[in-house]
Amino acid sequence: MKKVVLGLLTTSLMVLPLFVSCNKEGKDAGKKTYTLMVSTVLNANDPITQGLNKMAEDVERDTNGAVKVSVYPSSQLGDTADVLEQAKSGANVGVIIDTGMLADYVPEMAIYTGPYIFNSVENARKFINTNIFQSWDSRLATHGLRDLGCNWYQGARNFLTNTRVEKPEDLKGMRVRTMGSTVAQESMKSLGAVPTSLAWSEAYSGLQSKVIDAVEAQTTAIYGSSLNEVTKYLAKTEHFLLYTGLVISEKWFQSLPDEYQRIVMQDAHVAGDYATELTLQKEKEFNDEMAKKGLVFVDVDKKPFIEASASTYEKMGWTELKKEIDRAIGQ
């Protein structure tokens, strides 16, 4: 992927101007170009990052170089919240984000990461095309943020433990490192676990020192952090299907000509689906590798976990919304 070097990036990663002029000679001389910097906390080899690289290539190709996207993995542009705030302020940046972090602007979007909200990856993908989700996107835009698609799948989240987990009762009192969103915290409580906040970078040492008893996470993250080295079991609960979104500045998006807006949206959706396929491939590959290294995979009956976690929707005030979503996708 080609990166645009215009002398505008500094060691402090100052935000680029919304527009930069192209200095190429020939027929493109004087043509205005638009630059977008996209951030992710994931590393360069993660399927999501690879999907972003595909998007960058496709957008540059389809706009004949007029729109250039640069990808910054491993939090090079800062943490997710900081980059999101920059986007909201109108900077030419975007970020891969858990929809739970968008609940400050559209509270209902947090349900996208609810326990067993979808019964398949296909239904989760189908949901972003419903009127319900698109109305949320419209509301998000009024807060200065443009969702380019919440179809970036990072995998099913499972419990990684040192004691065998087969039913919700086995989680009782267990300190589980989970996401910081309210819905994630309530989901763990509904299953009897004690939700524990801990930076992902500290999960390995936390398990090793027994500060936490378990983590709930997706395979790519578990494998990437080698957490199978300090745990014995993976309970295949698949309680969250972690779909994330690519969110950019609405102001920057509106600065694009209509044709480029259409291309950026289309290529982002295609790249998100591409990243999803890579994730599904890597899930199997990484699980096989961890099993060979001794991690025991426990197939569980999901029904008790689904029933126990259902109370989360009552606590969050989402009982009717969950029914609406089920009807919308025929679930």
C-alpha atoms as a PDB file:
ATOM      1  CA  MET A   1       0.000   0.000   0.000  1.00  0.00           C
ATOM      2  CA  LYS A   2       1.344   3.374  -0.943  1.00  0.00           C
ATOM      3  CA  LYS A   3       1.463   5.993   1.778  1.00  0.00           C
ATOM      4  CA  VAL A   4       1.136   9.687   1.029  1.00  0.00           C
ATOM      5  CA  VAL A   5       4.124  11.647   2.250  1.00  0.00           C
ATOM      6  CA  LEU A   6       3.483  15.389   2.130  1.00  0.00           C
ATOM      7  CA  GLY A   7       5.637  16.519   5.005  1.00  0.00           C
ATOM      8  CA  LEU A   8       2.585  16.937   7.146  1.00  0.00           C
ATOM      9  CA  LEU A   9       3.072  14.081   9.594  1.00  0.00           C
ATOM     10  CA  THR A  10       5.154  15.007  12.601  1.00  0.00           C
ATOM     11  CA  THR A  11       6.486  12.956  15.461  1.00  0.00           C
ATOM     12  CA  SER A  12       3.564  14.221  17.512  1.00  0.00           C
ATOM     13  CA  LEU A  13       1.188  12.923  14.812  1.00  0.00           C
ATOM     14  CA  MET A  14      -0.516  16.264  14.281  1.00  0.00           C
ATOM     15  CA  VAL A  15      -3.736  16.031  12.328  1.00  0.00           C
ATOM     16  CA  LEU A  16      -3.486  16.587   8.577  1.00  0.00           C
ATOM     17  CA  PRO A  17      -5.478  19.386   6.995  1.00  0.00           C
ATOM     18  CA  LEU A  18      -8.768  18.292   5.523  1.00  0.00           C
ATOM     19  CA  PHE A  19      -7.555  18.946   2.020  1.00  0.00           C
ATOM     20  CA  VAL A  20      -4.170  18.735   0.379  1.00  0.00           C
ATOM     21  CA  SER A  21      -3.307  19.633  -3.160  1.00  0.00           C
ATOM     22  CA  CYS A  22      -1.752  17.131  -5.503  1.00  0.00           C
ATOM     23  CA  ASN A  23       1.565  18.247  -6.963  1.00  0.00           C
ATOM     24  CA  LYS A  24       1.797  15.513  -9.597  1.00  0.00           C
ATOM     25  CA  GLU A  25       2.693  16.647 -13.080  1.00  0.00           C
ATOM     26  CA  GLY A  26       0.637  15.837 -16.141  1.00  0.00           C
ATOM     27  CA  LYS A  27      -3.113  15.462 -16.463  1.00  0.00           C
ATOM     28  CA  ASP A  28      -3.589  15.148 -12.691  1.00  0.00           C
ATOM     29  CA  ALA A  29      -1.694  18.344 -11.911  1.00  0.00           C
ATOM     30  CA  GLY A  30      -3.795  20.581  -9.692  1.00  0.00           C
ATOM     31  CA  LYS A  31      -6.369  17.889  -8.955  1.00  0.00           C
ATOM     32  CA  LYS A  32      -7.498  18.077  -5.365  1.00  0.00           C
ATOM     33  CA  THR A  33      -6.764  15.017  -3.256  1.00  0.00           C
ATOM     34  CA  TYR A  34      -8.318  13.982   0.020  1.00  0.00           C
ATOM     35  CA  THR A  35      -6.377  12.137   2.695  1.00  0.00           C
ATOM     36  CA  LEU A  36      -7.778   9.941   5.454  1.00  0.00           C
ATOM     37  CA  MET A  37      -5.756   8.391   8.283  1.00  0.00           C
ATOM     38  CA  VAL A  38      -7.302   5.270   9.801  1.00  0.00           C
ATOM     39  CA  SER A  39      -6.306   3.958  13.221  1.00  0.00           C
ATOM     40  CA  THR A  40      -6.683   0.586  14.914  1.00  0.00           C
ATOM     41  CA  VAL A  41      -5.338  -0.841  18.169  1.00  0.00           C
ATOM     42  CA  LEU A  42      -4.773  -4.142  16.357  1.00  0.00           C
ATOM     43  CA  ASN A  43      -1.381  -5.133  14.985  1.00  0.00           C
ATOM     44  CA  ALA A  44      -0.301  -5.115  11.358  1.00  0.00           C
ATOM     45  CA  ASN A  45      -0.982  -8.830  10.873  1.00  0.00           C
ATOM     46  CA  ASP A  46      -4.532  -8.810  12.229  1.00  0.00           C
ATOM     47  CA  PRO A  47      -7.297  -9.599   9.698  1.00  0.00           C
ATOM     48  CA  ILE A  48      -8.951  -6.246  10.477  1.00  0.00           C
ATOM     49  CA  THR A  49      -5.758  -4.367   9.603  1.00  0.00           C
ATOM     50  CA  GLN A  50      -5.420  -6.393   6.433  1.00  0.00           C
ATOM     51  CA  GLY A  51      -8.978  -5.414   5.565  1.00  0.00           C
ATOM     52  CA  LEU A  52      -8.127  -1.748   6.105  1.00  0.00           C
ATOM     53  CA  ASN A  53      -5.147  -2.125   3.777  1.00  0.00           C
ATOM     54  CA  LYS A  54      -7.454  -3.571   1.130  1.00  0.00           C
ATOM     55  CA  MET A  55      -9.828  -0.648   1.563  1.00  0.00           C
ATOM     56  CA  ALA A  56      -6.943   1.803   1.130  1.00  0.00           C
ATOM     57  CA  GLU A  57      -5.874   0.143  -2.119  1.00  0.00           C
ATOM     58  CA  ASP A  58      -9.420  -0.070  -3.472  1.00  0.00           C
ATOM     59  CA  VAL A  59     -10.304   3.541  -2.652  1.00  0.00           C
ATOM     60  CA  GLU A  60      -7.153   4.908  -4.260  1.00  0.00           C
ATOM     61  CA  ARG A  61      -7.750   2.773  -7.351  1.00  0.00           C
ATOM     62  CA  ASP A  62     -11.445   3.592  -7.681  1.00  0.00           C
ATOM     63  CA  THR A  63     -10.908   7.359  -7.259  1.00  0.00           C
ATOM     64  CA  ASN A  64      -7.859   7.413  -9.542  1.00  0.00           C
ATOM     65  CA  GLY A  65      -5.712   8.530  -6.644  1.00  0.00           C
ATOM     66  CA  ALA A  66      -7.963  11.388  -5.562  1.00  0.00           C
ATOM     67  CA  VAL A  67      -8.737   9.803  -2.167  1.00  0.00           C
ATOM     68  CA  LYS A  68      -5.823   8.318  -0.266  1.00  0.00           C
ATOM     69  CA  VAL A  69      -6.179   6.250   2.880  1.00  0.00           C
ATOM     70  CA  SER A  70      -3.253   5.564   5.219  1.00  0.00           C
ATOM     71  CA  VAL A  71      -3.550   2.797   7.822  1.00  0.00           C
ATOM     72  CA  TYR A  72      -1.961   3.063  11.278  1.00  0.00           C
ATOM     73  CA  PRO A  73      -2.043  -0.192  13.306  1.00  0.00           C
ATOM     74  CA  SER A  74      -1.013  -0.776  16.931  1.00  0.00           C
ATOM     75  CA  SER A  75      -2.482   2.537  18.201  1.00  0.00           C
ATOM     76  CA  GLN A  76       0.071   4.610  16.321  1.00  0.00           C
ATOM     77  CA  LEU A  77      -2.339   7.551  16.198  1.00  0.00           C
ATOM     78  CA  GLY A  78      -3.298   7.208  19.858  1.00  0.00           C
ATOM     79  CA  ASP A  79      -5.944   5.270  21.725  1.00  0.00           C
ATOM     80  CA  THR A  80      -9.394   4.700  20.270  1.00  0.00           C
ATOM     81  CA  ALA A  81     -11.172   7.332  22.357  1.00  0.00           C
ATOM     82  CA  ASP A  82      -8.670  10.047  21.402  1.00  0.00           C
ATOM     83  CA  VAL A  83      -8.897   9.295  17.681  1.00  0.00           C
ATOM     84  CA  LEU A  84     -12.691   9.215  17.860  1.00  0.00           C
ATOM     85  CA  GLU A  85     -12.685  12.645  19.490  1.00  0.00           C
ATOM     86  CA  GLN A  86     -10.444  13.979  16.711  1.00  0.00           C
ATOM     87  CA  ALA A  87     -12.851  12.596  14.107  1.00  0.00           C
ATOM     88  CA  LYS A  88     -15.796  14.182  15.872  1.00  0.00           C
ATOM     89  CA  SER A  89     -13.945  17.516  15.764  1.00  0.00           C
ATOM     90  CA  GLY A  90     -13.628  17.266  11.983  1.00  0.00           C
ATOM     91  CA  ALA A  91     -10.114  15.898  11.550  1.00  0.00           C
ATOM     92  CA  ASN A  92      -9.368  13.592   8.632  1.00  0.00           C
ATOM     93  CA  VAL A  93      -9.065  10.489  10.800  1.00  0.00           C
ATOM     94  CA  GLY A  94     -11.050   7.333  11.372  1.00  0.00           C
ATOM     95  CA  VAL A  95     -10.925   4.433  13.799  1.00  0.00           C
ATOM     96  CA  ILE A  96     -12.032   0.835  14.177  1.00  0.00           C
ATOM     97  CA  ILE A  97     -14.278   0.882  17.211  1.00  0.00           C
ATOM     98  CA  ASP A  98     -16.522  -1.304  19.344  1.00  0.00           C
ATOM     99  CA  THR A  99     -20.064   0.020  18.877  1.00  0.00           C
ATOM    100  CA  GLY A 100     -20.436   0.105  22.664  1.00  0.00           C
ATOM    101  CA  MET A 101     -18.189   3.180  22.596  1.00  0.00           C
ATOM    102  CA  LEU A 102     -20.725   4.948  20.380  1.00  0.00           C
ATOM    103  CA  ALA A 103     -23.458   4.663  23.011  1.00  0.00           C
ATOM    104  CA  ASP A 104     -22.649   8.166  24.278  1.00  0.00           C
ATOM    105  CA  TYR A 105     -24.101   9.453  20.997  1.00  0.00           C
ATOM    106  CA  VAL A 106     -26.671   6.775  20.119  1.00  0.00           C
ATOM    107  CA  PRO A 107     -27.407   4.742  23.264  1.00  0.00           C
ATOM    108  CA  GLU A 108     -29.131   1.908  21.404  1.00  0.00           C
ATOM    109  CA  MET A 109     -25.960   1.084  19.447  1.00  0.00           C
ATOM    110  CA  ALA A 110     -24.538  -0.607  22.536  1.00  0.00           C
ATOM    111  CA  ILE A 111     -26.964  -3.474  22.036  1.00  0.00           C
ATOM    112  CA  TYR A 112     -24.922  -4.546  19.016  1.00  0.00           C
ATOM    113  CA  THR A 113     -22.495  -6.131  21.474  1.00  0.00           C
ATOM    114  CA  GLY A 114     -25.160  -7.645  23.730  1.00  0.00           C
ATOM    115  CA  PRO A 115     -24.992 -11.312  24.764  1.00  0.00           C
ATOM    116  CA  TYR A 116     -26.379 -13.615  22.080  1.00  0.00           C
ATOM    117  CA  ILE A 117     -27.973 -10.633  20.357  1.00  0.00           C
ATOM    118  CA  PHE A 118     -27.503 -12.530  17.085  1.00  0.00           C
ATOM    119  CA  ASN A 119     -27.574 -16.273  16.579  1.00  0.00           C
ATOM    120  CA  SER A 120     -25.179 -16.248  13.643  1.00  0.00           C
ATOM    121  CA  VAL A 121     -22.533 -14.161  11.917  1.00  0.00           C
ATOM    122  CA  GLU A 122     -24.859 -13.953   8.911  1.00  0.00           C
ATOM    123  CA  ASN A 123     -27.659 -12.380  10.954  1.00  0.00           C
ATOM    124  CA  ALA A 124     -25.261  -9.918  12.570  1.00  0.00           C
ATOM    125  CA  ARG A 125     -24.131  -8.835   9.109  1.00  0.00           C
ATOM    126  CA  LYS A 126     -27.740  -8.622   7.897  1.00  0.00           C
ATOM    127  CA  PHE A 127     -28.646  -6.252  10.727  1.00  0.00           C
ATOM    128  CA  ILE A 128     -26.592  -3.304   9.465  1.00  0.00           C
ATOM    129  CA  ASN A 129     -28.839  -3.135   6.398  1.00  0.00           C
ATOM    130  CA  THR A 130     -32.029  -2.806   8.442  1.00  0.00           C
ATOM    131  CA  ASN A 131     -33.952   0.436   8.903  1.00  0.00           C
ATOM    132  CA  ILE A 132     -33.231   0.209  12.637  1.00  0.00           C
ATOM    133  CA  PHE A 133     -29.479   0.316  12.229  1.00  0.00           C
ATOM    134  CA  GLN A 134     -29.504   2.875   9.439  1.00  0.00           C
ATOM    135  CA  SER A 135     -31.575   5.218  11.597  1.00  0.00           C
ATOM    136  CA  TRP A 136     -28.858   4.924  14.249  1.00  0.00           C
ATOM    137  CA  ASP A 137     -26.236   5.823  11.651  1.00  0.00           C
ATOM    138  CA  SER A 138     -28.233   8.936  10.717  1.00  0.00           C
ATOM    139  CA  ARG A 139     -28.332  10.024  14.352  1.00  0.00           C
ATOM    140  CA  LEU A 140     -24.610   9.367  14.725  1.00  0.00           C
ATOM    141  CA  ALA A 141     -23.920  11.717  11.819  1.00  0.00           C
ATOM    142  CA  THR A 142     -25.585  14.584  13.727  1.00  0.00           C
ATOM    143  CA  HIS A 143     -22.790  14.191  16.281  1.00  0.00           C
ATOM    144  CA  GLY A 144     -20.077  14.630  13.652  1.00  0.00           C
ATOM    145  CA  LEU A 145     -19.342  10.938  13.138  1.00  0.00           C
ATOM    146  CA  ARG A 146     -19.837   8.855  10.001  1.00  0.00           C
ATOM    147  CA  ASP A 147     -20.130   5.078  10.237  1.00  0.00           C
ATOM    148  CA  LEU A 148     -18.623   3.472   7.145  1.00  0.00           C
ATOM    149  CA  GLY A 149     -19.956   0.081   8.182  1.00  0.00           C
ATOM    150  CA  CYS A 150     -20.176  -2.034  11.328  1.00  0.00           C
ATOM    151  CA  ASN A 151     -19.384  -5.186   9.371  1.00  0.00           C
ATOM    152  CA  TRP A 152     -15.807  -5.634  10.597  1.00  0.00           C
ATOM    153  CA  TYR A 153     -16.038  -8.949  12.445  1.00  0.00           C
ATOM    154  CA  GLN A 154     -13.340  -9.720  15.001  1.00  0.00           C
ATOM    155  CA  GLY A 155     -14.665 -13.095  16.100  1.00  0.00           C
ATOM    156  CA  ALA A 156     -16.777 -14.922  18.668  1.00  0.00           C
ATOM    157  CA  ARG A 157     -15.786 -14.250  22.274  1.00  0.00           C
ATOM    158  CA  ASN A 158     -15.279 -17.208  24.603  1.00  0.00           C
ATOM    159  CA  PHE A 159     -14.073 -17.807  28.156  1.00  0.00           C
ATOM    160  CA  LEU A 160     -10.412 -18.647  28.669  1.00  0.00           C
ATOM    161  CA  THR A 161      -9.924 -20.186  32.108  1.00  0.00           C
ATOM    162  CA  ASN A 162      -7.826 -22.434  34.317  1.00  0.00           C
ATOM    163  CA  THR A 163     -10.813 -24.416  35.605  1.00  0.00           C
ATOM    164  CA  ARG A 164     -13.230 -26.207  33.301  1.00  0.00           C
ATOM    165  CA  VAL A 165     -16.379 -24.212  32.480  1.00  0.00           C
ATOM    166  CA  GLU A 166     -19.405 -26.077  31.118  1.00  0.00           C
ATOM    167  CA  LYS A 167     -22.360 -24.124  32.575  1.00  0.00           C
ATOM    168  CA  PRO A 168     -22.990 -20.613  33.956  1.00  0.00           C
ATOM    169  CA  GLU A 169     -22.673 -21.857  37.549  1.00  0.00           C
ATOM    170  CA  ASP A 170     -19.026 -22.679  36.860  1.00  0.00           C
ATOM    171  CA  LEU A 171     -18.350 -18.951  36.414  1.00  0.00           C
ATOM    172  CA  LYS A 172     -19.760 -17.970  39.811  1.00  0.00           C
ATOM    173  CA  GLY A 173     -17.362 -15.626  41.613  1.00  0.00           C
ATOM    174  CA  MET A 174     -14.780 -15.890  38.853  1.00  0.00           C
ATOM    175  CA  ARG A 175     -12.942 -12.611  38.166  1.00  0.00           C
ATOM    176  CA  VAL A 176     -13.229 -12.233  34.416  1.00  0.00           C
ATOM    177  CA  ARG A 177     -11.433  -9.567  32.429  1.00  0.00           C
ATOM    178  CA  THR A 178     -13.998  -8.121  30.017  1.00  0.00           C
ATOM    179  CA  MET A 179     -14.704  -5.016  27.969  1.00  0.00           C
ATOM    180  CA  GLY A 180     -15.398  -1.763  29.775  1.00  0.00           C
ATOM    181  CA  SER A 181     -18.859  -1.143  28.313  1.00  0.00           C
ATOM    182  CA  THR A 182     -21.870  -1.332  30.610  1.00  0.00           C
ATOM    183  CA  VAL A 183     -23.466  -4.089  28.538  1.00  0.00           C
ATOM    184  CA  ALA A 184     -20.324  -6.247  28.785  1.00  0.00           C
ATOM    185  CA  GLN A 185     -20.155  -5.714  32.544  1.00  0.00           C
ATOM    186  CA  GLU A 186     -23.835  -6.565  33.016  1.00  0.00           C
ATOM    187  CA  SER A 187     -23.476  -9.618  30.790  1.00  0.00           C
ATOM    188  CA  MET A 188     -20.730 -11.027  33.006  1.00  0.00           C
ATOM    189  CA  LYS A 189     -22.788 -10.382  36.135  1.00  0.00           C
ATOM    190  CA  SER A 190     -25.781 -12.188  34.622  1.00  0.00           C
ATOM    191  CA  LEU A 191     -23.592 -15.270  34.210  1.00  0.00           C
ATOM    192  CA  GLY A 192     -22.390 -15.112  37.803  1.00  0.00           C
ATOM    193  CA  ALA A 193     -18.897 -13.820  37.024  1.00  0.00           C
ATOM    194  CA  VAL A 194     -17.233 -10.774  38.562  1.00  0.00           C
ATOM    195  CA  PRO A 195     -16.435  -8.340  35.705  1.00  0.00           C
ATOM    196  CA  THR A 196     -12.948  -6.975  36.087  1.00  0.00           C
ATOM    197  CA  SER A 197     -11.451  -3.991  34.282  1.00  0.00           C
ATOM    198  CA  LEU A 198      -7.893  -4.519  33.140  1.00  0.00           C
ATOM    199  CA  ALA A 199      -5.950  -3.219  30.161  1.00  0.00           C
ATOM    200  CA  TRP A 200      -5.705  -5.882  27.470  1.00  0.00           C
ATOM    201  CA  SER A 201      -1.926  -5.495  27.520  1.00  0.00           C
ATOM    202  CA  GLU A 202      -1.997  -6.625  31.162  1.00  0.00           C
ATOM    203  CA  ALA A 203      -4.193  -9.688  30.629  1.00  0.00           C
ATOM    204  CA  TYR A 204      -1.258 -12.111  30.343  1.00  0.00           C
ATOM    205  CA  SER A 205       0.432 -10.928  33.540  1.00  0.00           C
ATOM    206  CA  GLY A 206      -2.954 -10.677  35.259  1.00  0.00           C
ATOM    207  CA  LEU A 207      -3.657 -14.344  34.591  1.00  0.00           C
ATOM    208  CA  GLN A 208      -0.131 -15.314  35.521  1.00  0.00           C
ATOM    209  CA  SER A 209      -0.270 -13.480  38.860  1.00  0.00           C
ATOM    210  CA  LYS A 210      -3.908 -14.515  39.481  1.00  0.00           C
ATOM    211  CA  VAL A 211      -5.114 -10.906  39.635  1.00  0.00           C
ATOM    212  CA  ILE A 212      -7.830 -12.246  37.346  1.00  0.00           C
ATOM    213  CA  ASP A 213      -9.146 -15.792  37.007  1.00  0.00           C
ATOM    214  CA  ALA A 214     -10.181 -15.673  33.368  1.00  0.00           C
ATOM    215  CA  VAL A 215     -10.630 -13.558  30.272  1.00  0.00           C
ATOM    216  CA  GLU A 216     -13.395 -13.447  27.705  1.00  0.00           C
ATOM    217  CA  ALA A 217     -12.099 -12.648  24.256  1.00  0.00           C
ATOM    218  CA  GLN A 218     -12.020 -13.620  20.605  1.00  0.00           C
ATOM    219  CA  THR A 219      -9.557 -16.163  19.201  1.00  0.00           C
ATOM    220  CA  THR A 220      -7.412 -13.712  17.229  1.00  0.00           C
ATOM    221  CA  ALA A 221      -6.814 -11.602  20.345  1.00  0.00           C
ATOM    222  CA  ILE A 222      -6.157 -14.652  22.542  1.00  0.00           C
ATOM    223  CA  TYR A 223      -3.669 -16.079  20.071  1.00  0.00           C
ATOM    224  CA  GLY A 224      -2.004 -12.735  19.416  1.00  0.00           C
ATOM    225  CA  SER A 225      -1.386 -12.250  23.135  1.00  0.00           C
ATOM    226  CA  SER A 226      -0.368 -15.905  23.758  1.00  0.00           C
ATOM    227  CA  LEU A 227      -2.919 -16.224  26.565  1.00  0.00           C
ATOM    228  CA  ASN A 228      -3.104 -19.963  25.941  1.00  0.00           C
ATOM    229  CA  GLU A 229       0.309 -20.140  27.667  1.00  0.00           C
ATOM    230  CA  VAL A 230      -1.203 -19.154  31.018  1.00  0.00           C
ATOM    231  CA  THR A 231      -4.596 -20.892  30.802  1.00  0.00           C
ATOM    232  CA  LYS A 232      -5.840 -24.458  30.344  1.00  0.00           C
ATOM    233  CA  TYR A 233      -9.367 -24.307  28.936  1.00  0.00           C
ATOM    234  CA  LEU A 234     -11.406 -22.422  26.357  1.00  0.00           C
ATOM    235  CA  ALA A 235     -15.170 -22.712  26.890  1.00  0.00           C
ATOM    236  CA  LYS A 236     -16.878 -22.217  23.509  1.00  0.00           C
ATOM    237  CA  THR A 237     -19.771 -20.099  24.724  1.00  0.00           C
ATOM    238  CA  GLU A 238     -19.629 -17.593  21.849  1.00  0.00           C
ATOM    239  CA  HIS A 239     -21.552 -15.171  24.057  1.00  0.00           C
ATOM    240  CA  PHE A 240     -20.548 -12.097  22.038  1.00  0.00           C
ATOM    241  CA  LEU A 241     -20.127 -11.948  18.259  1.00  0.00           C
ATOM    242  CA  LEU A 242     -17.723  -9.036  18.143  1.00  0.00           C
ATOM    243  CA  TYR A 243     -18.598  -6.820  15.229  1.00  0.00           C
ATOM    244  CA  THR A 244     -16.818  -3.478  15.137  1.00  0.00           C
ATOM    245  CA  GLY A 245     -17.279  -0.377  13.016  1.00  0.00           C
ATOM    246  CA  LEU A 246     -15.112   1.938  10.966  1.00  0.00           C
ATOM    247  CA  VAL A 247     -16.043   5.452  12.048  1.00  0.00           C
ATOM    248  CA  ILE A 248     -14.660   8.639  10.489  1.00  0.00           C
ATOM    249  CA  SER A 249     -15.342  12.372  10.596  1.00  0.00           C
ATOM    250  CA  GLU A 250     -18.708  13.376   9.140  1.00  0.00           C
ATOM    251  CA  LYS A 251     -17.225  16.769   8.250  1.00  0.00           C
ATOM    252  CA  TRP A 252     -14.406  15.160   6.274  1.00  0.00           C
ATOM    253  CA  PHE A 253     -16.847  12.772   4.592  1.00  0.00           C
ATOM    254  CA  GLN A 254     -19.113  15.634   3.517  1.00  0.00           C
ATOM    255  CA  SER A 255     -16.096  17.431   2.029  1.00  0.00           C
ATOM    256  CA  LEU A 256     -15.832  14.667  -0.583  1.00  0.00           C
ATOM    257  CA  PRO A 257     -17.632  14.935  -3.912  1.00  0.00           C
ATOM    258  CA  ASP A 258     -20.729  12.721  -4.026  1.00  0.00           C
ATOM    259  CA  GLU A 259     -19.033  10.168  -6.281  1.00  0.00           C
ATOM    260  CA  TYR A 260     -16.133   9.760  -3.840  1.00  0.00           C
ATOM    261  CA  GLN A 261     -18.522   9.438  -0.899  1.00  0.00           C
ATOM    262  CA  ARG A 262     -20.209   6.540  -2.663  1.00  0.00           C
ATOM    263  CA  ILE A 263     -16.883   4.880  -3.450  1.00  0.00           C
ATOM    264  CA  VAL A 264     -15.536   5.229   0.083  1.00  0.00           C
ATOM    265  CA  MET A 265     -18.727   3.749   1.568  1.00  0.00           C
ATOM    266  CA  GLN A 266     -18.825   0.898  -0.924  1.00  0.00           C
ATOM    267  CA  ASP A 267     -15.148   0.000  -0.612  1.00  0.00           C
ATOM    268  CA  ALA A 268     -15.337   0.134   3.194  1.00  0.00           C
ATOM    269  CA  HIS A 269     -18.212  -2.371   3.215  1.00  0.00           C
ATOM    270  CA  VAL A 270     -16.390  -4.685   0.800  1.00  0.00           C
ATOM    271  CA  ALA A 271     -13.214  -4.489   2.891  1.00  0.00           C
ATOM    272  CA  GLY A 272     -15.153  -5.184   6.097  1.00  0.00           C
ATOM    273  CA  ASP A 273     -16.604  -8.355   4.569  1.00  0.00           C
ATOM    274  CA  TYR A 274     -13.122  -9.317   3.364  1.00  0.00           C
ATOM    275  CA  ALA A 275     -11.728  -8.841   6.880  1.00  0.00           C
ATOM    276  CA  THR A 276     -14.584 -10.950   8.250  1.00  0.00           C
ATOM    277  CA  GLU A 277     -13.689 -13.854   5.953  1.00  0.00           C
ATOM    278  CA  LEU A 278     -10.043 -13.592   7.010  1.00  0.00           C
ATOM    279  CA  THR A 279     -11.100 -13.599  10.655  1.00  0.00           C
ATOM    280  CA  LEU A 280     -13.174 -16.754  10.196  1.00  0.00           C
ATOM    281  CA  GLN A 281     -10.213 -18.458   8.524  1.00  0.00           C
ATOM    282  CA  LYS A 282      -7.824 -17.368  11.257  1.00  0.00           C
ATOM    283  CA  GLU A 283     -10.192 -18.502  14.011  1.00  0.00           C
ATOM    284  CA  LYS A 284      -9.950 -22.079  12.801  1.00  0.00           C
ATOM    285  CA  GLU A 285      -6.219 -21.891  12.127  1.00  0.00           C
ATOM    286  CA  PHE A 286      -5.353 -20.359  15.504  1.00  0.00           C
ATOM    287  CA  ASN A 287      -7.684 -22.654  17.439  1.00  0.00           C
ATOM    288  CA  ASP A 288      -6.045 -25.682  15.829  1.00  0.00           C
ATOM    289  CA  GLU A 289      -2.591 -24.369  16.727  1.00  0.00           C
ATOM    290  CA  MET A 290      -3.542 -23.660  20.353  1.00  0.00           C
ATOM    291  CA  ALA A 291      -5.145 -27.092  20.687  1.00  0.00           C
ATOM    292  CA  LYS A 292      -1.909 -28.689  19.513  1.00  0.00           C
ATOM    293  CA  LYS A 293      -0.096 -26.739  22.214  1.00  0.00           C
ATOM    294  CA  GLY A 294      -2.379 -28.148  24.908  1.00  0.00           C
ATOM    295  CA  LEU A 295      -5.321 -25.748  25.236  1.00  0.00           C
ATOM    296  CA  VAL A 296      -8.470 -27.798  25.907  1.00  0.00           C
ATOM    297  CA  PHE A 297     -11.558 -26.663  23.983  1.00  0.00           C
ATOM    298  CA  VAL A 298     -14.809 -27.299  25.840  1.00  0.00           C
ATOM    299  CA  ASP A 299     -18.011 -27.564  23.806  1.00  0.00           C
ATOM    300  CA  VAL A 300     -20.839 -26.261  25.959  1.00  0.00           C
ATOM    301  CA  ASP A 301     -24.607 -26.323  25.743  1.00  0.00           C
ATOM    302  CA  LYS A 302     -25.290 -22.667  24.949  1.00  0.00           C
ATOM    303  CA  LYS A 303     -28.920 -22.735  26.026  1.00  0.00           C
ATOM    304  CA  PRO A 304     -28.231 -22.206  29.776  1.00  0.00           C
ATOM    305  CA  PHE A 305     -25.864 -19.333  28.931  1.00  0.00           C
ATOM    306  CA  ILE A 306     -28.458 -17.735  26.639  1.00  0.00           C
ATOM    307  CA  GLU A 307     -31.140 -18.042  29.305  1.00  0.00           C
ATOM    308  CA  ALA A 308     -28.928 -16.697  32.098  1.00  0.00           C
ATOM    309  CA  SER A 309     -27.694 -13.705  30.094  1.00  0.00           C
ATOM    310  CA  ALA A 310     -31.196 -12.724  28.928  1.00  0.00           C
ATOM    311  CA  SER A 311     -31.620 -10.687  32.106  1.00  0.00           C
ATOM    312  CA  THR A 312     -29.045  -8.257  30.692  1.00  0.00           C
ATOM    313  CA  TYR A 313     -31.662  -6.930  28.285  1.00  0.00           C
ATOM    314  CA  GLU A 314     -34.069  -6.228  31.122  1.00  0.00           C
ATOM    315  CA  LYS A 315     -31.408  -4.406  33.135  1.00  0.00           C
ATOM    316  CA  MET A 316     -30.416  -2.318  30.126  1.00  0.00           C
ATOM    317  CA  GLY A 317     -34.055  -1.539  29.227  1.00  0.00           C
ATOM    318  CA  TRP A 318     -33.708  -3.296  25.882  1.00  0.00           C
ATOM    319  CA  THR A 319     -36.377  -5.993  26.070  1.00  0.00           C
ATOM    320  CA  GLU A 320     -38.560  -4.452  23.344  1.00  0.00           C
ATOM    321  CA  LEU A 321     -35.579  -3.391  21.237  1.00  0.00           C
ATOM    322  CA  LYS A 322     -34.291  -6.977  21.239  1.00  0.00           C
ATOM    323  CA  LYS A 323     -37.678  -8.151  19.953  1.00  0.00           C
ATOM    324  CA  GLU A 324     -37.620  -5.479  17.210  1.00  0.00           C
ATOM    325  CA  ILE A 325     -34.185  -6.632  16.087  1.00  0.00           C
ATOM    326  CA  ASP A 326     -35.267 -10.275  16.025  1.00  0.00           C
ATOM    327  CA  ARG A 327     -38.259  -9.357  13.843  1.00  0.00           C
ATOM    328  CA  ALA A 328     -36.163  -7.172  11.525  1.00  0.00           C
ATOM    329  CA  ILE A 329     -33.727  -9.963  10.655  1.00  0.00           C
ATOM    330  CA  GLY A 330     -36.183 -12.858  10.909  1.00  0.00           C
ATOM    331  CA  GLN A 331     -34.338 -14.375  13.839  1.00  0.00           C
END
